[in-house]
Amino acid sequence: MKTIEITSTQNDLVKFAVKLQDSKYRKKEKLILVDGAQTIEGLVFDGIVFEYFFVKKGNSIDDKMKINNLVLVNDEILKKISTTKSPTQAVGIIKEPEIDKNIFKKLNKIALIDGIKDAGNLGTIIRSAVAFSIDGIILFNECVDLYNTKTLRATTQNIFKLPIIKTSDAEFVKELKKTHKLISTVVDSSCDFFNVELNDKFILAFGSEADGISQIIADLSDEKVTLEMDNNVESLNLGVCASIAFAIVRHKNKIEK
């Protein structure tokens, strides 16, 4: 581990960290800026390596941490590079994980999220997917940046606990359909999700609150289902809807076993 001490907000490494707050720059560099005590705690628990870890000089760090470059800074620098409103004790930079999409062919329970734009909803979906044993998530079409700091915080330490990929490749979904049943959630199906038959391998698709599933996914679907509700509620928040569906999936699996 290399130790660096920085005292100026004009330092090049500080400027680099600030640039990573921009999604386009982050994607170009394939790096992720992480802050917030809970997020960092989860990364340490999962054994994630920090390329850079910015911490206030004099503060201790966890012995379990894997750090390539420890950067000692002051409060002014931490405030500049952090995305949180409240004062933070540390900020990290980690590499974006490389996931081979072909591993999804071996997974059983896959969630496909089509065109999601809200970072908080995506974070909730990831957290619920982990809680209810979904094996992997496909972000299809144009979606919010998976490693947006708001998404990271909303997952509450769970973002690296299952494989997540982003793709707009309909051919890849068609390839998965050779072994997986594609079930899409819609608002107007006569089939209640509570009654759906789940194969050993399936893809459960959810669309954005504004637009629903795309025509591409609708056309590829083997079955379309709806979460039936009482009291004329028009729709549920996407994160809530997905969470309920994941819980039903887990319940069905336990009964079948």
C-alpha atoms as a PDB file:
ATOM      1  CA  MET A   1       0.000   0.000   0.000  1.00  0.00           C
ATOM      2  CA  LYS A   2       1.335   3.383  -1.040  1.00  0.00           C
ATOM      3  CA  THR A   3       0.594   6.391   1.188  1.00  0.00           C
ATOM      4  CA  ILE A   4       0.077   9.868  -0.316  1.00  0.00           C
ATOM      5  CA  GLU A   5      -0.556  13.101   1.578  1.00  0.00           C
ATOM      6  CA  ILE A   6      -2.467  15.941  -0.091  1.00  0.00           C
ATOM      7  CA  THR A   7      -3.251  19.343   1.391  1.00  0.00           C
ATOM      8  CA  SER A   8      -4.570  21.311  -1.620  1.00  0.00           C
ATOM      9  CA  THR A   9      -7.957  21.039  -3.342  1.00  0.00           C
ATOM     10  CA  GLN A  10      -6.132  21.951  -6.568  1.00  0.00           C
ATOM     11  CA  ASN A  11      -4.132  18.730  -6.546  1.00  0.00           C
ATOM     12  CA  ASP A  12      -4.563  16.700  -9.766  1.00  0.00           C
ATOM     13  CA  LEU A  13      -5.730  13.600  -7.909  1.00  0.00           C
ATOM     14  CA  VAL A  14      -8.411  15.637  -6.145  1.00  0.00           C
ATOM     15  CA  LYS A  15      -9.561  17.097  -9.474  1.00  0.00           C
ATOM     16  CA  PHE A  16      -9.633  13.573 -10.926  1.00  0.00           C
ATOM     17  CA  ALA A  17     -11.826  12.341  -8.064  1.00  0.00           C
ATOM     18  CA  VAL A  18     -14.248  15.243  -8.576  1.00  0.00           C
ATOM     19  CA  LYS A  19     -14.533  14.409 -12.297  1.00  0.00           C
ATOM     20  CA  LEU A  20     -15.662  10.896 -11.390  1.00  0.00           C
ATOM     21  CA  GLN A  21     -18.893  12.413 -10.079  1.00  0.00           C
ATOM     22  CA  ASP A  22     -19.848  12.837 -13.758  1.00  0.00           C
ATOM     23  CA  SER A  23     -21.304   9.600 -15.179  1.00  0.00           C
ATOM     24  CA  LYS A  24     -19.798  10.040 -18.653  1.00  0.00           C
ATOM     25  CA  TYR A  25     -16.312  10.551 -17.253  1.00  0.00           C
ATOM     26  CA  ARG A  26     -16.762   7.706 -14.767  1.00  0.00           C
ATOM     27  CA  LYS A  27     -17.809   5.308 -17.538  1.00  0.00           C
ATOM     28  CA  LYS A  28     -14.851   6.380 -19.673  1.00  0.00           C
ATOM     29  CA  GLU A  29     -12.403   5.681 -16.847  1.00  0.00           C
ATOM     30  CA  LYS A  30     -14.267   2.530 -15.696  1.00  0.00           C
ATOM     31  CA  LEU A  31     -13.917   3.708 -12.102  1.00  0.00           C
ATOM     32  CA  ILE A  32     -16.473   4.276  -9.352  1.00  0.00           C
ATOM     33  CA  LEU A  33     -16.448   7.009  -6.705  1.00  0.00           C
ATOM     34  CA  VAL A  34     -17.876   5.709  -3.421  1.00  0.00           C
ATOM     35  CA  ASP A  35     -18.678   7.568  -0.229  1.00  0.00           C
ATOM     36  CA  GLY A  36     -20.938   7.235   2.780  1.00  0.00           C
ATOM     37  CA  ALA A  37     -19.978   5.107   5.765  1.00  0.00           C
ATOM     38  CA  GLN A  38     -22.519   2.353   5.063  1.00  0.00           C
ATOM     39  CA  THR A  39     -21.476   1.953   1.420  1.00  0.00           C
ATOM     40  CA  ILE A  40     -17.782   1.792   2.279  1.00  0.00           C
ATOM     41  CA  GLU A  41     -18.454  -0.632   5.128  1.00  0.00           C
ATOM     42  CA  GLY A  42     -20.206  -2.969   2.690  1.00  0.00           C
ATOM     43  CA  LEU A  43     -17.341  -2.796   0.205  1.00  0.00           C
ATOM     44  CA  VAL A  44     -14.835  -3.645   2.928  1.00  0.00           C
ATOM     45  CA  PHE A  45     -16.993  -6.591   4.017  1.00  0.00           C
ATOM     46  CA  ASP A  46     -17.126  -7.865   0.407  1.00  0.00           C
ATOM     47  CA  GLY A  47     -13.345  -7.602   0.076  1.00  0.00           C
ATOM     48  CA  ILE A  48     -13.421  -4.961  -2.687  1.00  0.00           C
ATOM     49  CA  VAL A  49     -10.053  -3.388  -3.486  1.00  0.00           C
ATOM     50  CA  PHE A  50      -9.846   0.413  -3.274  1.00  0.00           C
ATOM     51  CA  GLU A  51      -7.615   1.917  -5.942  1.00  0.00           C
ATOM     52  CA  TYR A  52      -7.581   5.122  -3.880  1.00  0.00           C
ATOM     53  CA  PHE A  53      -8.929   5.673  -0.398  1.00  0.00           C
ATOM     54  CA  PHE A  54      -9.148   9.277   0.806  1.00  0.00           C
ATOM     55  CA  VAL A  55      -9.289   9.639   4.568  1.00  0.00           C
ATOM     56  CA  LYS A  56      -8.684  12.524   6.964  1.00  0.00           C
ATOM     57  CA  LYS A  57      -5.138  12.516   8.264  1.00  0.00           C
ATOM     58  CA  GLY A  58      -5.033  11.066  11.775  1.00  0.00           C
ATOM     59  CA  ASN A  59      -8.067   8.804  11.323  1.00  0.00           C
ATOM     60  CA  SER A  60      -7.586   5.052  11.588  1.00  0.00           C
ATOM     61  CA  ILE A  61      -8.603   2.587   8.896  1.00  0.00           C
ATOM     62  CA  ASP A  62      -9.964  -0.950   9.153  1.00  0.00           C
ATOM     63  CA  ASP A  63      -7.217  -3.599   9.097  1.00  0.00           C
ATOM     64  CA  LYS A  64      -9.389  -5.651   6.708  1.00  0.00           C
ATOM     65  CA  MET A  65      -9.316  -2.960   4.028  1.00  0.00           C
ATOM     66  CA  LYS A  66      -7.597  -3.676   0.709  1.00  0.00           C
ATOM     67  CA  ILE A  67      -6.093  -0.388  -0.478  1.00  0.00           C
ATOM     68  CA  ASN A  68      -3.614   0.262  -3.266  1.00  0.00           C
ATOM     69  CA  ASN A  69      -3.188   3.978  -2.522  1.00  0.00           C
ATOM     70  CA  LEU A  70      -4.021   5.506   0.851  1.00  0.00           C
ATOM     71  CA  VAL A  71      -4.542   9.256   0.460  1.00  0.00           C
ATOM     72  CA  LEU A  72      -4.335  11.393   3.610  1.00  0.00           C
ATOM     73  CA  VAL A  73      -6.333  14.611   3.244  1.00  0.00           C
ATOM     74  CA  ASN A  74      -8.102  17.363   5.200  1.00  0.00           C
ATOM     75  CA  ASP A  75     -11.798  18.169   5.702  1.00  0.00           C
ATOM     76  CA  GLU A  76     -11.795  20.684   2.831  1.00  0.00           C
ATOM     77  CA  ILE A  77     -10.663  18.047   0.319  1.00  0.00           C
ATOM     78  CA  LEU A  78     -13.123  15.455   1.613  1.00  0.00           C
ATOM     79  CA  LYS A  79     -15.938  17.965   1.257  1.00  0.00           C
ATOM     80  CA  LYS A  80     -14.887  18.750  -2.310  1.00  0.00           C
ATOM     81  CA  ILE A  81     -14.768  15.160  -3.556  1.00  0.00           C
ATOM     82  CA  SER A  82     -17.716  13.780  -1.573  1.00  0.00           C
ATOM     83  CA  THR A  83     -21.259  13.605  -2.988  1.00  0.00           C
ATOM     84  CA  THR A  84     -22.956  13.511   0.423  1.00  0.00           C
ATOM     85  CA  LYS A  85     -24.494  16.602   2.000  1.00  0.00           C
ATOM     86  CA  SER A  86     -23.351  15.708   5.505  1.00  0.00           C
ATOM     87  CA  PRO A  87     -19.651  15.611   6.440  1.00  0.00           C
ATOM     88  CA  THR A  88     -17.934  12.383   5.431  1.00  0.00           C
ATOM     89  CA  GLN A  89     -14.950  10.608   6.956  1.00  0.00           C
ATOM     90  CA  ALA A  90     -13.705   8.905   3.799  1.00  0.00           C
ATOM     91  CA  VAL A  91     -14.119   8.626   0.034  1.00  0.00           C
ATOM     92  CA  GLY A  92     -12.966   5.713  -2.118  1.00  0.00           C
ATOM     93  CA  ILE A  93     -12.326   4.969  -5.774  1.00  0.00           C
ATOM     94  CA  ILE A  94     -12.758   1.391  -7.000  1.00  0.00           C
ATOM     95  CA  LYS A  95     -12.620  -0.313 -10.391  1.00  0.00           C
ATOM     96  CA  GLU A  96     -15.848  -1.032 -12.223  1.00  0.00           C
ATOM     97  CA  PRO A  97     -16.281  -4.828 -12.173  1.00  0.00           C
ATOM     98  CA  GLU A  98     -16.017  -6.709 -15.468  1.00  0.00           C
ATOM     99  CA  ILE A  99     -18.814  -9.265 -15.815  1.00  0.00           C
ATOM    100  CA  ASP A 100     -19.060 -11.730 -18.683  1.00  0.00           C
ATOM    101  CA  LYS A 101     -22.710 -11.628 -19.771  1.00  0.00           C
ATOM    102  CA  ASN A 102     -22.537 -15.285 -20.782  1.00  0.00           C
ATOM    103  CA  ILE A 103     -22.642 -16.302 -17.109  1.00  0.00           C
ATOM    104  CA  PHE A 104     -26.336 -15.348 -17.214  1.00  0.00           C
ATOM    105  CA  LYS A 105     -26.992 -18.482 -19.267  1.00  0.00           C
ATOM    106  CA  LYS A 106     -26.099 -20.486 -16.148  1.00  0.00           C
ATOM    107  CA  LEU A 107     -28.288 -18.470 -13.754  1.00  0.00           C
ATOM    108  CA  ASN A 108     -31.824 -19.569 -12.853  1.00  0.00           C
ATOM    109  CA  LYS A 109     -33.686 -16.494 -11.602  1.00  0.00           C
ATOM    110  CA  ILE A 110     -32.938 -13.353 -13.594  1.00  0.00           C
ATOM    111  CA  ALA A 111     -34.539  -9.919 -13.288  1.00  0.00           C
ATOM    112  CA  LEU A 112     -34.591  -7.684 -16.376  1.00  0.00           C
ATOM    113  CA  ILE A 113     -35.139  -3.985 -15.726  1.00  0.00           C
ATOM    114  CA  ASP A 114     -36.136  -2.165 -18.898  1.00  0.00           C
ATOM    115  CA  GLY A 115     -35.353   1.552 -19.191  1.00  0.00           C
ATOM    116  CA  ILE A 116     -35.257   2.464 -15.484  1.00  0.00           C
ATOM    117  CA  LYS A 117     -34.342   6.114 -14.931  1.00  0.00           C
ATOM    118  CA  ASP A 118     -34.609   6.577 -11.158  1.00  0.00           C
ATOM    119  CA  ALA A 119     -31.417   5.813  -9.200  1.00  0.00           C
ATOM    120  CA  GLY A 120     -33.236   5.284  -5.914  1.00  0.00           C
ATOM    121  CA  ASN A 121     -35.638   2.772  -7.456  1.00  0.00           C
ATOM    122  CA  LEU A 122     -32.755   0.858  -9.011  1.00  0.00           C
ATOM    123  CA  GLY A 123     -30.983   0.729  -5.664  1.00  0.00           C
ATOM    124  CA  THR A 124     -34.135  -0.610  -4.005  1.00  0.00           C
ATOM    125  CA  ILE A 125     -34.531  -3.270  -6.700  1.00  0.00           C
ATOM    126  CA  ILE A 126     -30.928  -4.439  -6.270  1.00  0.00           C
ATOM    127  CA  ARG A 127     -31.301  -4.631  -2.488  1.00  0.00           C
ATOM    128  CA  SER A 128     -34.551  -6.611  -2.791  1.00  0.00           C
ATOM    129  CA  ALA A 129     -33.071  -8.906  -5.445  1.00  0.00           C
ATOM    130  CA  VAL A 130     -30.294  -9.844  -3.024  1.00  0.00           C
ATOM    131  CA  ALA A 131     -32.759 -10.224  -0.131  1.00  0.00           C
ATOM    132  CA  PHE A 132     -35.006 -12.612  -2.065  1.00  0.00           C
ATOM    133  CA  SER A 133     -32.270 -14.605  -3.846  1.00  0.00           C
ATOM    134  CA  ILE A 134     -32.577 -13.373  -7.423  1.00  0.00           C
ATOM    135  CA  ASP A 135     -29.452 -14.642  -9.205  1.00  0.00           C
ATOM    136  CA  GLY A 136     -28.670 -11.696 -11.504  1.00  0.00           C
ATOM    137  CA  ILE A 137     -29.980  -8.471 -13.014  1.00  0.00           C
ATOM    138  CA  ILE A 138     -29.986  -7.274 -16.624  1.00  0.00           C
ATOM    139  CA  LEU A 139     -30.383  -3.542 -17.183  1.00  0.00           C
ATOM    140  CA  PHE A 140     -31.914  -3.338 -20.653  1.00  0.00           C
ATOM    141  CA  ASN A 141     -32.015  -0.294 -22.960  1.00  0.00           C
ATOM    142  CA  GLU A 142     -31.164   3.175 -21.648  1.00  0.00           C
ATOM    143  CA  CYS A 143     -31.022   3.039 -17.857  1.00  0.00           C
ATOM    144  CA  VAL A 144     -29.718   5.238 -15.067  1.00  0.00           C
ATOM    145  CA  ASP A 145     -26.018   4.748 -14.349  1.00  0.00           C
ATOM    146  CA  LEU A 146     -25.692   1.644 -12.186  1.00  0.00           C
ATOM    147  CA  TYR A 147     -22.826   3.224 -10.269  1.00  0.00           C
ATOM    148  CA  ASN A 148     -24.482   6.578  -9.686  1.00  0.00           C
ATOM    149  CA  THR A 149     -23.675   7.489  -6.066  1.00  0.00           C
ATOM    150  CA  LYS A 150     -27.403   7.665  -5.243  1.00  0.00           C
ATOM    151  CA  THR A 151     -27.875   4.131  -6.585  1.00  0.00           C
ATOM    152  CA  LEU A 152     -24.883   2.900  -4.605  1.00  0.00           C
ATOM    153  CA  ARG A 153     -26.259   4.317  -1.363  1.00  0.00           C
ATOM    154  CA  ALA A 154     -29.778   2.998  -2.044  1.00  0.00           C
ATOM    155  CA  THR A 155     -28.482  -0.567  -2.400  1.00  0.00           C
ATOM    156  CA  THR A 156     -27.264  -0.405   1.227  1.00  0.00           C
ATOM    157  CA  GLN A 157     -24.077  -2.413   0.672  1.00  0.00           C
ATOM    158  CA  ASN A 158     -25.584  -4.966  -1.733  1.00  0.00           C
ATOM    159  CA  ILE A 159     -24.516  -3.856  -5.213  1.00  0.00           C
ATOM    160  CA  PHE A 160     -21.663  -6.372  -5.623  1.00  0.00           C
ATOM    161  CA  LYS A 161     -23.511  -9.361  -4.164  1.00  0.00           C
ATOM    162  CA  LEU A 162     -24.947 -10.478  -7.520  1.00  0.00           C
ATOM    163  CA  PRO A 163     -23.949 -10.015 -11.185  1.00  0.00           C
ATOM    164  CA  ILE A 164     -25.465  -6.992 -12.928  1.00  0.00           C
ATOM    165  CA  ILE A 165     -24.944  -6.168 -16.598  1.00  0.00           C
ATOM    166  CA  LYS A 166     -26.226  -3.489 -18.956  1.00  0.00           C
ATOM    167  CA  THR A 167     -27.155  -4.270 -22.541  1.00  0.00           C
ATOM    168  CA  SER A 168     -29.427  -3.151 -25.386  1.00  0.00           C
ATOM    169  CA  ASP A 169     -28.816  -6.363 -27.305  1.00  0.00           C
ATOM    170  CA  ALA A 170     -32.166  -8.027 -28.050  1.00  0.00           C
ATOM    171  CA  GLU A 171     -30.289 -10.958 -29.608  1.00  0.00           C
ATOM    172  CA  PHE A 172     -28.764 -11.701 -26.199  1.00  0.00           C
ATOM    173  CA  VAL A 173     -32.250 -11.849 -24.667  1.00  0.00           C
ATOM    174  CA  LYS A 174     -33.368 -14.139 -27.504  1.00  0.00           C
ATOM    175  CA  GLU A 175     -30.401 -16.392 -26.771  1.00  0.00           C
ATOM    176  CA  LEU A 176     -31.370 -16.566 -23.086  1.00  0.00           C
ATOM    177  CA  LYS A 177     -34.930 -17.463 -24.085  1.00  0.00           C
ATOM    178  CA  LYS A 178     -33.656 -20.789 -25.389  1.00  0.00           C
ATOM    179  CA  THR A 179     -33.287 -21.877 -21.761  1.00  0.00           C
ATOM    180  CA  HIS A 180     -35.292 -19.278 -19.824  1.00  0.00           C
ATOM    181  CA  LYS A 181     -38.972 -18.322 -19.817  1.00  0.00           C
ATOM    182  CA  LEU A 182     -39.464 -14.552 -20.248  1.00  0.00           C
ATOM    183  CA  ILE A 183     -42.235 -13.221 -18.002  1.00  0.00           C
ATOM    184  CA  SER A 184     -43.064  -9.516 -18.279  1.00  0.00           C
ATOM    185  CA  THR A 185     -44.970  -7.486 -15.712  1.00  0.00           C
ATOM    186  CA  VAL A 186     -47.585  -5.170 -17.241  1.00  0.00           C
ATOM    187  CA  VAL A 187     -50.549  -3.188 -15.908  1.00  0.00           C
ATOM    188  CA  ASP A 188     -53.335  -4.795 -17.936  1.00  0.00           C
ATOM    189  CA  SER A 189     -52.836  -8.567 -18.065  1.00  0.00           C
ATOM    190  CA  SER A 190     -55.620 -10.946 -17.091  1.00  0.00           C
ATOM    191  CA  CYS A 191     -53.011 -13.226 -15.501  1.00  0.00           C
ATOM    192  CA  ASP A 192     -52.352 -12.512 -11.828  1.00  0.00           C
ATOM    193  CA  PHE A 193     -48.666 -12.787 -10.886  1.00  0.00           C
ATOM    194  CA  PHE A 194     -49.606 -14.831  -7.807  1.00  0.00           C
ATOM    195  CA  ASN A 195     -50.819 -17.593 -10.159  1.00  0.00           C
ATOM    196  CA  VAL A 196     -47.938 -17.627 -12.644  1.00  0.00           C
ATOM    197  CA  GLU A 197     -46.045 -20.876 -13.127  1.00  0.00           C
ATOM    198  CA  LEU A 198     -42.305 -20.372 -12.784  1.00  0.00           C
ATOM    199  CA  ASN A 199     -39.918 -22.679 -14.599  1.00  0.00           C
ATOM    200  CA  ASP A 200     -36.550 -23.606 -13.126  1.00  0.00           C
ATOM    201  CA  LYS A 201     -35.057 -20.886 -15.314  1.00  0.00           C
ATOM    202  CA  PHE A 202     -36.837 -17.610 -15.982  1.00  0.00           C
ATOM    203  CA  ILE A 203     -36.370 -13.914 -16.698  1.00  0.00           C
ATOM    204  CA  LEU A 204     -38.740 -11.580 -14.866  1.00  0.00           C
ATOM    205  CA  ALA A 205     -39.019  -8.249 -16.710  1.00  0.00           C
ATOM    206  CA  PHE A 206     -40.078  -4.875 -15.324  1.00  0.00           C
ATOM    207  CA  GLY A 207     -40.486  -1.642 -17.255  1.00  0.00           C
ATOM    208  CA  SER A 208     -40.091   1.952 -16.161  1.00  0.00           C
ATOM    209  CA  GLU A 209     -42.961   3.625 -14.332  1.00  0.00           C
ATOM    210  CA  ALA A 210     -43.369   6.146 -17.135  1.00  0.00           C
ATOM    211  CA  ASP A 211     -43.228   3.843 -20.160  1.00  0.00           C
ATOM    212  CA  GLY A 212     -43.554   0.237 -18.982  1.00  0.00           C
ATOM    213  CA  ILE A 213     -41.672  -2.476 -20.834  1.00  0.00           C
ATOM    214  CA  SER A 214     -40.378  -1.663 -24.301  1.00  0.00           C
ATOM    215  CA  GLN A 215     -41.994  -3.100 -27.426  1.00  0.00           C
ATOM    216  CA  ILE A 216     -38.921  -5.275 -27.959  1.00  0.00           C
ATOM    217  CA  ILE A 217     -39.351  -7.032 -24.608  1.00  0.00           C
ATOM    218  CA  ALA A 218     -43.144  -7.154 -25.017  1.00  0.00           C
ATOM    219  CA  ASP A 219     -42.764  -8.964 -28.336  1.00  0.00           C
ATOM    220  CA  LEU A 220     -40.247 -11.436 -26.888  1.00  0.00           C
ATOM    221  CA  SER A 221     -42.317 -12.209 -23.788  1.00  0.00           C
ATOM    222  CA  ASP A 222     -43.575 -15.749 -23.242  1.00  0.00           C
ATOM    223  CA  GLU A 223     -46.098 -14.510 -20.713  1.00  0.00           C
ATOM    224  CA  LYS A 224     -47.392 -11.184 -19.393  1.00  0.00           C
ATOM    225  CA  VAL A 225     -48.615 -10.862 -15.823  1.00  0.00           C
ATOM    226  CA  THR A 226     -50.003  -8.220 -13.480  1.00  0.00           C
ATOM    227  CA  LEU A 227     -49.806  -7.728  -9.734  1.00  0.00           C
ATOM    228  CA  GLU A 228     -53.519  -7.391  -8.987  1.00  0.00           C
ATOM    229  CA  MET A 229     -54.393  -4.722  -6.420  1.00  0.00           C
ATOM    230  CA  ASP A 230     -57.447  -3.527  -4.499  1.00  0.00           C
ATOM    231  CA  ASN A 231     -58.951  -0.070  -3.981  1.00  0.00           C
ATOM    232  CA  ASN A 232     -58.356   1.204  -7.529  1.00  0.00           C
ATOM    233  CA  VAL A 233     -54.684   2.032  -7.011  1.00  0.00           C
ATOM    234  CA  GLU A 234     -53.433   2.820 -10.501  1.00  0.00           C
ATOM    235  CA  SER A 235     -49.872   1.571 -10.048  1.00  0.00           C
ATOM    236  CA  LEU A 236     -47.101   0.892  -7.550  1.00  0.00           C
ATOM    237  CA  ASN A 237     -43.654   2.409  -7.340  1.00  0.00           C
ATOM    238  CA  LEU A 238     -41.355   0.283  -9.516  1.00  0.00           C
ATOM    239  CA  GLY A 239     -39.052  -0.560  -6.611  1.00  0.00           C
ATOM    240  CA  VAL A 240     -42.033  -1.675  -4.516  1.00  0.00           C
ATOM    241  CA  CYS A 241     -43.529  -3.698  -7.379  1.00  0.00           C
ATOM    242  CA  ALA A 242     -40.271  -5.541  -8.076  1.00  0.00           C
ATOM    243  CA  SER A 243     -39.704  -6.199  -4.378  1.00  0.00           C
ATOM    244  CA  ILE A 244     -43.150  -7.784  -3.999  1.00  0.00           C
ATOM    245  CA  ALA A 245     -42.580  -9.907  -7.096  1.00  0.00           C
ATOM    246  CA  PHE A 246     -39.197 -11.107  -5.825  1.00  0.00           C
ATOM    247  CA  ALA A 247     -40.755 -12.041  -2.485  1.00  0.00           C
ATOM    248  CA  ILE A 248     -43.472 -14.046  -4.276  1.00  0.00           C
ATOM    249  CA  VAL A 249     -40.816 -15.835  -6.330  1.00  0.00           C
ATOM    250  CA  ARG A 250     -38.923 -16.818  -3.195  1.00  0.00           C
ATOM    251  CA  HIS A 251     -42.154 -18.000  -1.522  1.00  0.00           C
ATOM    252  CA  LYS A 252     -43.102 -20.125  -4.532  1.00  0.00           C
ATOM    253  CA  ASN A 253     -39.646 -21.680  -4.670  1.00  0.00           C
ATOM    254  CA  LYS A 254     -39.770 -22.608  -0.977  1.00  0.00           C
ATOM    255  CA  ILE A 255     -43.197 -24.239  -1.392  1.00  0.00           C
ATOM    256  CA  GLU A 256     -42.070 -26.216  -4.455  1.00  0.00           C
ATOM    257  CA  LYS A 257     -39.016 -27.497  -2.594  1.00  0.00           C
END
